[in-house]
Amino acid sequence: MRQEYRDIGRSREVREEVKKLRKKFLRYQEAEVVYSISHRKLIELSDRAGALYRIDGTVLINRDIFDAFLENFHESTRGIGKRGLSKAERGKREAEE
């Protein structure tokens, strides 16, 4: 059985094409599914982000603006899992102290 490898360059091209093809504006119902956020919280956050567009009773959310706004809430990991540090990490920290 021959094993085929994916071309990294091609996978990057595909990723860029997907970004171009995805919807720029989402309705509330679609955004609730995409972001897994409740309706009320979605309204609050999208309004704070300035990503709302109201057109004749239809409300759209600009996905690019909303994504950029959500990045403000990103927290980096601290290397501590559910059970704390791994043995290697504990040894490393003890050696530093």
C-alpha atoms as a PDB file:
ATOM      1  CA  MET A   1       0.000   0.000   0.000  1.00  0.00           C
ATOM      2  CA  ARG A   2       1.500   3.275  -1.095  1.00  0.00           C
ATOM      3  CA  GLN A   3       1.302   6.215   1.276  1.00  0.00           C
ATOM      4  CA  GLU A   4       0.587   9.620  -0.229  1.00  0.00           C
ATOM      5  CA  TYR A   5       1.631  12.838   1.422  1.00  0.00           C
ATOM      6  CA  ARG A   6      -0.222  16.111   1.186  1.00  0.00           C
ATOM      7  CA  ASP A   7       1.484  19.042  -0.426  1.00  0.00           C
ATOM      8  CA  ILE A   8       1.824  21.750   2.248  1.00  0.00           C
ATOM      9  CA  GLY A   9       1.742  24.529  -0.318  1.00  0.00           C
ATOM     10  CA  ARG A  10      -1.488  23.184  -1.776  1.00  0.00           C
ATOM     11  CA  SER A  11      -3.143  22.938   1.635  1.00  0.00           C
ATOM     12  CA  ARG A  12      -2.312  26.604   2.264  1.00  0.00           C
ATOM     13  CA  GLU A  13      -3.837  27.535  -1.097  1.00  0.00           C
ATOM     14  CA  VAL A  14      -7.000  25.618  -0.219  1.00  0.00           C
ATOM     15  CA  ARG A  15      -7.195  27.350   3.179  1.00  0.00           C
ATOM     16  CA  GLU A  16      -6.914  30.764   1.500  1.00  0.00           C
ATOM     17  CA  GLU A  17      -9.625  29.865  -1.020  1.00  0.00           C
ATOM     18  CA  VAL A  18     -11.958  28.754   1.778  1.00  0.00           C
ATOM     19  CA  LYS A  19     -11.476  32.121   3.497  1.00  0.00           C
ATOM     20  CA  LYS A  20     -12.432  33.900   0.269  1.00  0.00           C
ATOM     21  CA  LEU A  21     -15.527  31.750  -0.247  1.00  0.00           C
ATOM     22  CA  ARG A  22     -16.952  31.958   3.258  1.00  0.00           C
ATOM     23  CA  LYS A  23     -19.797  34.366   3.857  1.00  0.00           C
ATOM     24  CA  LYS A  24     -18.812  37.878   4.869  1.00  0.00           C
ATOM     25  CA  PHE A  25     -22.151  38.599   6.549  1.00  0.00           C
ATOM     26  CA  LEU A  26     -24.146  36.255   8.774  1.00  0.00           C
ATOM     27  CA  ARG A  27     -27.707  36.441  10.055  1.00  0.00           C
ATOM     28  CA  TYR A  28     -28.226  35.957  13.793  1.00  0.00           C
ATOM     29  CA  GLN A  29     -29.328  32.351  13.419  1.00  0.00           C
ATOM     30  CA  GLU A  30     -26.240  31.450  11.376  1.00  0.00           C
ATOM     31  CA  ALA A  31     -23.894  33.329  13.706  1.00  0.00           C
ATOM     32  CA  GLU A  32     -25.316  31.532  16.750  1.00  0.00           C
ATOM     33  CA  VAL A  33     -24.354  28.216  15.172  1.00  0.00           C
ATOM     34  CA  VAL A  34     -20.941  29.352  13.895  1.00  0.00           C
ATOM     35  CA  TYR A  35     -19.815  30.944  17.168  1.00  0.00           C
ATOM     36  CA  SER A  36     -21.772  28.743  19.624  1.00  0.00           C
ATOM     37  CA  ILE A  37     -22.992  31.798  21.513  1.00  0.00           C
ATOM     38  CA  SER A  38     -26.513  32.411  22.820  1.00  0.00           C
ATOM     39  CA  HIS A  39     -28.728  34.897  20.991  1.00  0.00           C
ATOM     40  CA  ARG A  40     -28.613  37.526  23.732  1.00  0.00           C
ATOM     41  CA  LYS A  41     -24.811  37.367  24.124  1.00  0.00           C
ATOM     42  CA  LEU A  42     -24.352  37.468  20.347  1.00  0.00           C
ATOM     43  CA  ILE A  43     -26.433  40.640  20.111  1.00  0.00           C
ATOM     44  CA  GLU A  44     -24.468  42.260  22.931  1.00  0.00           C
ATOM     45  CA  LEU A  45     -21.022  41.365  21.568  1.00  0.00           C
ATOM     46  CA  SER A  46     -21.743  42.172  17.937  1.00  0.00           C
ATOM     47  CA  ASP A  47     -23.167  45.560  18.957  1.00  0.00           C
ATOM     48  CA  ARG A  48     -20.060  46.323  21.070  1.00  0.00           C
ATOM     49  CA  ALA A  49     -17.863  45.257  18.146  1.00  0.00           C
ATOM     50  CA  GLY A  50     -19.665  47.556  15.733  1.00  0.00           C
ATOM     51  CA  ALA A  51     -20.317  44.607  13.437  1.00  0.00           C
ATOM     52  CA  LEU A  52     -24.105  45.035  13.073  1.00  0.00           C
ATOM     53  CA  TYR A  53     -25.785  46.043   9.823  1.00  0.00           C
ATOM     54  CA  ARG A  54     -29.537  46.705   9.906  1.00  0.00           C
ATOM     55  CA  ILE A  55     -31.256  46.683   6.516  1.00  0.00           C
ATOM     56  CA  ASP A  56     -35.071  46.872   6.310  1.00  0.00           C
ATOM     57  CA  GLY A  57     -35.639  44.722   9.374  1.00  0.00           C
ATOM     58  CA  THR A  58     -32.844  42.282   8.531  1.00  0.00           C
ATOM     59  CA  VAL A  59     -29.854  42.240  10.844  1.00  0.00           C
ATOM     60  CA  LEU A  60     -26.487  41.084   9.547  1.00  0.00           C
ATOM     61  CA  ILE A  61     -23.185  40.613  11.376  1.00  0.00           C
ATOM     62  CA  ASN A  62     -19.934  41.418   9.608  1.00  0.00           C
ATOM     63  CA  ARG A  63     -17.867  38.331  10.239  1.00  0.00           C
ATOM     64  CA  ASP A  64     -14.450  39.975   9.764  1.00  0.00           C
ATOM     65  CA  ILE A  65     -15.156  42.727  12.297  1.00  0.00           C
ATOM     66  CA  PHE A  66     -16.682  40.285  14.781  1.00  0.00           C
ATOM     67  CA  ASP A  67     -13.763  37.834  14.474  1.00  0.00           C
ATOM     68  CA  ALA A  68     -11.267  40.641  15.106  1.00  0.00           C
ATOM     69  CA  PHE A  69     -13.287  41.742  18.153  1.00  0.00           C
ATOM     70  CA  LEU A  70     -13.367  38.201  19.568  1.00  0.00           C
ATOM     71  CA  GLU A  71      -9.576  37.983  19.347  1.00  0.00           C
ATOM     72  CA  ASN A  72      -9.447  40.592  22.135  1.00  0.00           C
ATOM     73  CA  PHE A  73     -10.742  37.895  24.502  1.00  0.00           C
ATOM     74  CA  HIS A  74      -8.090  35.309  23.606  1.00  0.00           C
ATOM     75  CA  GLU A  75      -6.103  33.986  26.565  1.00  0.00           C
ATOM     76  CA  SER A  76      -2.825  32.196  26.036  1.00  0.00           C
ATOM     77  CA  THR A  77      -2.303  28.850  27.722  1.00  0.00           C
ATOM     78  CA  ARG A  78      -0.182  28.555  30.829  1.00  0.00           C
ATOM     79  CA  GLY A  79       0.934  24.969  30.278  1.00  0.00           C
ATOM     80  CA  ILE A  80      -1.185  23.661  33.135  1.00  0.00           C
ATOM     81  CA  GLY A  81      -3.655  20.919  32.267  1.00  0.00           C
ATOM     82  CA  LYS A  82      -6.468  19.377  34.273  1.00  0.00           C
ATOM     83  CA  ARG A  83      -4.065  17.603  36.595  1.00  0.00           C
ATOM     84  CA  GLY A  84      -1.471  20.342  36.863  1.00  0.00           C
ATOM     85  CA  LEU A  85       2.013  20.285  35.445  1.00  0.00           C
ATOM     86  CA  SER A  86       3.604  17.201  33.922  1.00  0.00           C
ATOM     87  CA  LYS A  87       6.584  15.599  35.680  1.00  0.00           C
ATOM     88  CA  ALA A  88       8.979  17.134  33.159  1.00  0.00           C
ATOM     89  CA  GLU A  89       7.501  20.608  33.649  1.00  0.00           C
ATOM     90  CA  ARG A  90       7.599  20.260  37.462  1.00  0.00           C
ATOM     91  CA  GLY A  91      11.251  19.192  37.318  1.00  0.00           C
ATOM     92  CA  LYS A  92      12.057  22.092  35.023  1.00  0.00           C
ATOM     93  CA  ARG A  93      10.388  24.611  37.345  1.00  0.00           C
ATOM     94  CA  GLU A  94      12.047  23.155  40.438  1.00  0.00           C
ATOM     95  CA  ALA A  95      15.441  23.372  38.721  1.00  0.00           C
ATOM     96  CA  GLU A  96      14.804  27.028  37.870  1.00  0.00           C
ATOM     97  CA  GLU A  97      13.961  27.832  41.498  1.00  0.00           C
END
